[in-house]
Amino acid sequence: MLTYEFMRNAFAATGIVAIVAGLVGYFLVLRGQTFAGHALSHIGFAGAAGAGLVGVAPIWGLLAFAAAAAVGIGTIGERLSRRDVAIGVVLAFALGLGLLFLHFYTAFATQATAILFGNVLAVSKPMLVTLAALAAATLAALAFVMRPLIFASLQPELAEAKGVPMRFVSTAFLVIVAVAVAESAQIVGVLLVFALMVGPPAAAQLLARRIGSGLALAAAFAVAVAWLGVAIAYFTDWPASFCIAALSAGLFFGCLLFSSWAARAAPRTPVLDAAGPAPQTESAIRRPIAGSGWNRP
């Protein structure tokens, strides 16, 4: 299988994209912004179709439209009423705009199908270099905003009270998501982009208890799903995007069943009498703070 250059390119491309999708998707699921990310992928389709109309590589049109939409969604803010309705309306308009671009340039229809459903076996060396550069920029930006992003994701009210620029963090993260979407679309297409950006990270959050281990597990799951999907596509001649999407769904539901079984099988903490002694667990052992009525670990 690896004697063919197009297969080596496919494995390299899916590995690069899967790592980015797993890490970025972890925070996307953690923040509950999967619908916003889904909208970015569809809005990017209009940009890809428009780029083909003017003779530019589709990835740049997809990236430009998705990034512009990310800035718009981040500017709207997370607490504005009917924000999801506005995103849905813009999403429908973007899909219609993409159809209009295809109407004016029917020769682009084959390439548009690749954008919608992906074509990992057609990744070239120049595209591989582009994906690697975009991945490096995406991971660097994610590392830059990771600390305030974690704070804003887990305790938004406290983060806002502490002076964290919530609007900037949200907008910057959505732009990062837009770049990750543009990369993932080259592998699984804009319609199946969440096969890598939601399935593996959501499965990792079902198993991991800490953010560090969750991020590592999400990236590992995404790479495993992507590489196994490409291998299955090679031996069966099925579409690689379908194989990756099916494996992603199977992974998530398998982890969901396992976590449910583990929760039921775990021993329950006995209920103590109100007058009985408090359980001496590590979290229960506290030292008093001098001069106050509060305890601290």
Protein backbone atom coordinates (compact mmCIF):
# COMPACT_ATOMS: atom_id res chain seq x y z
CA MET A 1 0.00 0.00 0.00
CA LEU A 2 2.78 2.45 0.90
CA THR A 3 4.66 1.79 -2.34
CA TYR A 4 2.29 4.26 -4.03
CA GLU A 5 3.10 7.95 -3.66
CA PHE A 6 -0.55 9.00 -3.55
CA MET A 7 -1.09 6.68 -0.55
CA ARG A 8 1.93 8.11 1.26
CA ASN A 9 0.58 11.59 0.61
CA ALA A 10 -2.85 10.49 1.85
CA PHE A 11 -1.48 9.13 5.12
CA ALA A 12 0.67 12.21 5.69
CA ALA A 13 -2.21 14.58 4.95
CA THR A 14 -4.70 12.72 7.14
CA GLY A 15 -2.18 12.56 9.98
CA ILE A 16 -1.54 16.31 9.87
CA VAL A 17 -5.20 17.22 9.60
CA ALA A 18 -6.31 14.70 12.23
CA ILE A 19 -3.99 16.10 14.89
CA VAL A 20 -5.27 19.64 14.28
CA ALA A 21 -8.90 18.51 14.13
CA GLY A 22 -8.59 16.50 17.33
CA LEU A 23 -6.99 19.29 19.36
CA VAL A 24 -9.21 22.10 18.05
CA GLY A 25 -12.31 19.92 18.15
CA TYR A 26 -11.70 19.13 21.83
CA PHE A 27 -12.30 22.76 22.76
CA LEU A 28 -15.13 23.05 20.24
CA VAL A 29 -17.00 20.26 22.04
CA LEU A 30 -15.97 21.54 25.46
CA ARG A 31 -17.41 24.99 24.72
CA GLY A 32 -20.61 23.63 23.17
CA GLN A 33 -20.00 25.44 19.87
CA THR A 34 -20.42 22.52 17.51
CA PHE A 35 -23.25 24.24 15.64
CA ALA A 36 -21.09 27.32 15.03
CA GLY A 37 -18.30 25.10 13.72
CA HIS A 38 -20.77 23.25 11.51
CA ALA A 39 -21.90 26.57 10.07
CA LEU A 40 -18.31 27.58 9.31
CA SER A 41 -17.77 24.48 7.19
CA HIS A 42 -20.88 25.13 5.10
CA ILE A 43 -20.17 28.83 4.72
CA GLY A 44 -16.68 27.90 3.56
CA PHE A 45 -18.21 25.90 0.71
CA ALA A 46 -19.48 29.13 -0.85
CA GLY A 47 -15.97 30.53 -0.66
CA ALA A 48 -14.48 27.41 -2.25
CA ALA A 49 -17.01 27.54 -5.09
CA GLY A 50 -16.35 31.26 -5.60
CA ALA A 51 -12.61 30.64 -5.68
CA GLY A 52 -13.08 28.08 -8.43
CA LEU A 53 -15.14 30.61 -10.37
CA VAL A 54 -12.30 33.16 -10.37
CA GLY A 55 -9.53 30.60 -10.88
CA VAL A 56 -8.09 30.42 -7.34
CA ALA A 57 -7.37 27.25 -5.38
CA PRO A 58 -10.57 26.29 -3.51
CA ILE A 59 -8.84 25.99 -0.13
CA TRP A 60 -8.09 29.72 -0.08
CA GLY A 61 -11.68 30.68 -0.85
CA LEU A 62 -12.91 28.25 1.79
CA LEU A 63 -10.45 29.65 4.32
CA ALA A 64 -11.35 33.28 3.55
CA PHE A 65 -15.10 32.79 3.84
CA ALA A 66 -14.85 30.62 6.95
CA ALA A 67 -12.50 33.07 8.68
CA ALA A 68 -14.75 36.03 7.84
CA ALA A 69 -17.76 34.13 9.19
CA ALA A 70 -15.80 33.26 12.34
CA VAL A 71 -15.06 36.93 12.97
CA GLY A 72 -18.72 37.77 12.43
CA ILE A 73 -19.97 35.07 14.80
CA GLY A 74 -17.40 36.05 17.42
CA THR A 75 -18.37 39.71 17.12
CA ILE A 76 -22.04 38.89 17.62
CA GLY A 77 -21.16 37.44 21.01
CA GLU A 78 -22.27 34.30 22.82
CA ARG A 79 -25.10 35.79 24.84
CA LEU A 80 -26.96 37.67 22.13
CA SER A 81 -30.55 36.49 21.77
CA ARG A 82 -31.37 34.50 18.62
CA ARG A 83 -27.71 34.18 17.65
CA ASP A 84 -28.22 30.59 16.48
CA VAL A 85 -31.13 31.72 14.31
CA ALA A 86 -28.94 34.34 12.66
CA ILE A 87 -26.19 31.77 12.07
CA GLY A 88 -28.72 29.39 10.52
CA VAL A 89 -30.01 32.05 8.16
CA VAL A 90 -26.47 32.99 7.06
CA LEU A 91 -25.68 29.29 6.66
CA ALA A 92 -28.61 28.75 4.29
CA PHE A 93 -27.68 31.88 2.31
CA ALA A 94 -24.07 30.71 1.98
CA LEU A 95 -25.14 27.33 0.62
CA GLY A 96 -27.41 29.07 -1.89
CA LEU A 97 -24.55 31.36 -2.87
CA GLY A 98 -22.33 28.35 -3.48
CA LEU A 99 -25.01 26.86 -5.72
CA LEU A 100 -25.16 30.14 -7.64
CA PHE A 101 -21.39 30.07 -8.21
CA LEU A 102 -21.69 26.51 -9.52
CA HIS A 103 -24.46 27.65 -11.88
CA PHE A 104 -22.10 30.16 -13.49
CA TYR A 105 -19.22 27.70 -13.70
CA THR A 106 -20.55 24.22 -14.36
CA ALA A 107 -17.06 22.87 -15.17
CA PHE A 108 -16.31 23.22 -11.46
CA ALA A 109 -18.96 20.63 -10.53
CA THR A 110 -16.48 17.74 -10.19
CA GLN A 111 -14.18 19.77 -7.99
CA ALA A 112 -17.18 20.93 -5.96
CA THR A 113 -18.05 17.30 -5.23
CA ALA A 114 -14.54 16.83 -3.86
CA ILE A 115 -15.02 19.87 -1.62
CA LEU A 116 -18.34 18.56 -0.33
CA PHE A 117 -17.20 15.00 0.36
CA GLY A 118 -13.40 15.18 0.29
CA ASN A 119 -10.83 13.40 -1.87
CA VAL A 120 -7.88 12.45 0.28
CA LEU A 121 -6.37 10.21 -2.41
CA ALA A 122 -5.84 13.25 -4.65
CA VAL A 123 -3.64 15.20 -2.22
CA SER A 124 -0.52 16.44 -4.01
CA LYS A 125 2.88 17.39 -2.64
CA PRO A 126 2.19 21.17 -2.85
CA MET A 127 -1.13 20.66 -1.04
CA LEU A 128 0.69 18.61 1.60
CA VAL A 129 3.10 21.50 2.20
CA THR A 130 0.15 23.91 2.44
CA LEU A 131 -1.61 21.69 4.97
CA ALA A 132 1.55 21.41 7.06
CA ALA A 133 2.02 25.19 7.09
CA LEU A 134 -1.60 25.82 8.04
CA ALA A 135 -1.38 23.15 10.76
CA ALA A 136 1.71 24.76 12.26
CA ALA A 137 0.03 28.17 12.29
CA THR A 138 -3.17 26.73 13.79
CA LEU A 139 -1.40 24.89 16.61
CA ALA A 140 0.75 27.94 17.40
CA ALA A 141 -2.35 30.14 17.64
CA LEU A 142 -4.13 27.55 19.78
CA ALA A 143 -1.16 27.38 22.15
CA PHE A 144 -1.18 31.19 22.40
CA VAL A 145 -4.82 31.40 23.52
CA MET A 146 -5.01 28.08 25.37
CA ARG A 147 -4.77 29.36 28.95
CA PRO A 148 -7.49 32.04 28.69
CA LEU A 149 -9.50 29.70 26.45
CA ILE A 150 -9.56 26.97 29.11
CA PHE A 151 -10.49 29.50 31.80
CA ALA A 152 -13.24 31.02 29.65
CA SER A 153 -14.57 27.58 28.68
CA LEU A 154 -14.78 26.10 32.18
CA GLN A 155 -15.79 29.16 34.22
CA PRO A 156 -16.94 31.96 31.87
CA GLU A 157 -18.50 34.16 34.58
CA LEU A 158 -15.39 34.05 36.75
CA ALA A 159 -13.12 34.60 33.75
CA GLU A 160 -15.11 37.67 32.75
CA ALA A 161 -14.95 38.99 36.30
CA LYS A 162 -11.18 38.48 36.32
CA GLY A 163 -10.83 40.63 33.20
CA VAL A 164 -10.35 37.94 30.54
CA PRO A 165 -11.25 39.48 27.14
CA MET A 166 -14.10 37.06 26.41
CA ARG A 167 -15.04 38.54 23.03
CA PHE A 168 -11.45 38.41 21.79
CA VAL A 169 -10.90 34.85 23.05
CA SER A 170 -14.12 33.64 21.45
CA THR A 171 -13.37 35.33 18.12
CA ALA A 172 -9.76 34.14 18.04
CA PHE A 173 -10.84 30.58 18.78
CA LEU A 174 -13.47 30.61 16.04
CA VAL A 175 -10.87 31.82 13.54
CA ILE A 176 -8.70 28.88 14.62
CA VAL A 177 -11.70 26.62 14.06
CA ALA A 178 -12.16 28.12 10.60
CA VAL A 179 -8.59 27.22 9.63
CA ALA A 180 -9.03 23.70 11.02
CA VAL A 181 -12.27 23.35 9.05
CA ALA A 182 -10.52 24.44 5.84
CA GLU A 183 -7.85 21.78 6.41
CA SER A 184 -10.28 19.02 7.36
CA ALA A 185 -12.44 19.73 4.32
CA GLN A 186 -9.55 18.66 2.11
CA ILE A 187 -9.78 15.18 3.65
CA VAL A 188 -13.45 14.47 4.43
CA GLY A 189 -15.24 17.41 2.77
CA VAL A 190 -17.30 20.18 4.29
CA LEU A 191 -20.34 17.93 4.79
CA LEU A 192 -18.39 15.37 6.84
CA VAL A 193 -15.84 17.66 8.48
CA PHE A 194 -17.20 16.84 11.92
CA ALA A 195 -16.21 13.21 11.46
CA LEU A 196 -12.78 14.36 12.64
CA MET A 197 -13.62 17.49 14.63
CA VAL A 198 -16.40 16.14 16.84
CA GLY A 199 -16.37 12.34 17.00
CA PRO A 200 -12.83 11.68 18.35
CA PRO A 201 -12.76 14.69 20.74
CA ALA A 202 -16.21 13.83 22.13
CA ALA A 203 -15.10 10.22 22.64
CA ALA A 204 -11.95 11.43 24.41
CA GLN A 205 -13.98 13.59 26.80
CA LEU A 206 -16.00 10.52 27.79
CA LEU A 207 -12.85 8.71 28.91
CA ALA A 208 -10.34 11.34 30.05
CA ARG A 209 -10.67 13.19 33.35
CA ARG A 210 -8.08 15.91 32.72
CA ILE A 211 -7.68 18.37 29.89
CA GLY A 212 -4.11 17.33 29.10
CA SER A 213 -4.92 13.64 28.79
CA GLY A 214 -8.13 14.51 26.95
CA LEU A 215 -6.26 16.52 24.32
CA ALA A 216 -3.72 13.75 23.80
CA LEU A 217 -6.46 11.13 23.55
CA ALA A 218 -8.50 13.26 21.11
CA ALA A 219 -5.51 13.67 18.79
CA ALA A 220 -4.68 9.95 19.02
CA PHE A 221 -8.28 8.95 18.31
CA ALA A 222 -8.47 11.30 15.32
CA VAL A 223 -5.23 9.99 13.81
CA ALA A 224 -6.28 6.36 14.36
CA VAL A 225 -9.68 6.96 12.76
CA ALA A 226 -8.18 8.81 9.79
CA TRP A 227 -5.41 6.31 9.07
CA LEU A 228 -7.63 3.28 9.54
CA GLY A 229 -10.25 4.85 7.28
CA VAL A 230 -7.71 5.44 4.52
CA ALA A 231 -6.44 1.86 4.82
CA ILE A 232 -9.97 0.43 4.65
CA ALA A 233 -10.70 2.60 1.61
CA TYR A 234 -7.60 1.23 -0.13
CA PHE A 235 -8.51 -2.41 0.40
CA THR A 236 -12.26 -2.11 -0.21
CA ASP A 237 -12.42 0.69 -2.81
CA TRP A 238 -15.02 2.45 -0.66
CA PRO A 239 -14.91 6.26 -0.29
CA ALA A 240 -12.35 7.24 2.32
CA SER A 241 -14.65 9.93 3.72
CA PHE A 242 -17.34 7.34 4.44
CA CYS A 243 -14.86 5.03 6.16
CA ILE A 244 -13.55 7.84 8.36
CA ALA A 245 -17.07 9.03 9.23
CA ALA A 246 -18.25 5.49 10.04
CA LEU A 247 -15.23 4.80 12.26
CA SER A 248 -15.70 8.14 14.03
CA ALA A 249 -19.34 7.39 14.79
CA GLY A 250 -18.50 3.86 15.93
CA LEU A 251 -15.73 5.17 18.19
CA PHE A 252 -18.00 7.72 19.85
CA PHE A 253 -20.88 5.34 20.50
CA GLY A 254 -18.48 2.65 21.69
CA CYS A 255 -16.92 5.05 24.21
CA LEU A 256 -20.40 6.21 25.23
CA LEU A 257 -21.48 2.64 26.00
CA PHE A 258 -18.23 1.94 27.84
CA SER A 259 -18.49 5.06 29.99
CA SER A 260 -22.11 4.24 30.84
CA TRP A 261 -21.15 0.69 31.80
CA ALA A 262 -18.19 1.93 33.86
CA ALA A 263 -20.43 4.41 35.70
CA ARG A 264 -22.89 1.66 36.60
CA ALA A 265 -20.17 -0.79 37.60
CA ALA A 266 -18.28 1.68 39.80
CA PRO A 267 -18.79 1.12 43.56
CA ARG A 268 -21.05 3.69 45.12
CA THR A 269 -20.02 5.77 48.11
CA PRO A 270 -22.02 4.68 51.17
CA VAL A 271 -24.44 7.23 52.57
CA LEU A 272 -23.33 8.13 56.10
CA ASP A 273 -25.57 9.07 58.92
CA ALA A 274 -25.78 12.77 59.61
CA ALA A 275 -24.23 12.26 63.03
CA GLY A 276 -21.55 9.92 61.76
CA PRO A 277 -17.96 10.88 61.00
CA ALA A 278 -17.12 12.55 57.72
CA PRO A 279 -15.28 10.39 55.18
CA GLN A 280 -11.53 10.96 55.34
CA THR A 281 -10.83 11.34 51.62
CA GLU A 282 -8.06 13.45 50.22
CA SER A 283 -10.49 16.10 49.03
CA ALA A 284 -12.15 16.21 52.44
CA ILE A 285 -8.96 16.91 54.41
CA ARG A 286 -8.72 20.69 54.69
CA ARG A 287 -6.74 23.20 56.67
CA PRO A 288 -8.42 26.25 58.17
CA ILE A 289 -7.37 29.68 56.96
CA ALA A 290 -6.43 31.83 59.90
CA GLY A 291 -8.91 34.56 60.68
CA SER A 292 -11.68 33.32 58.39
CA GLY A 293 -14.53 30.89 58.41
CA TRP A 294 -13.49 29.25 55.11
CA ASN A 295 -11.40 26.10 54.59
CA ARG A 296 -9.00 25.39 51.83
CA PRO A 297 -7.48 22.10 50.57
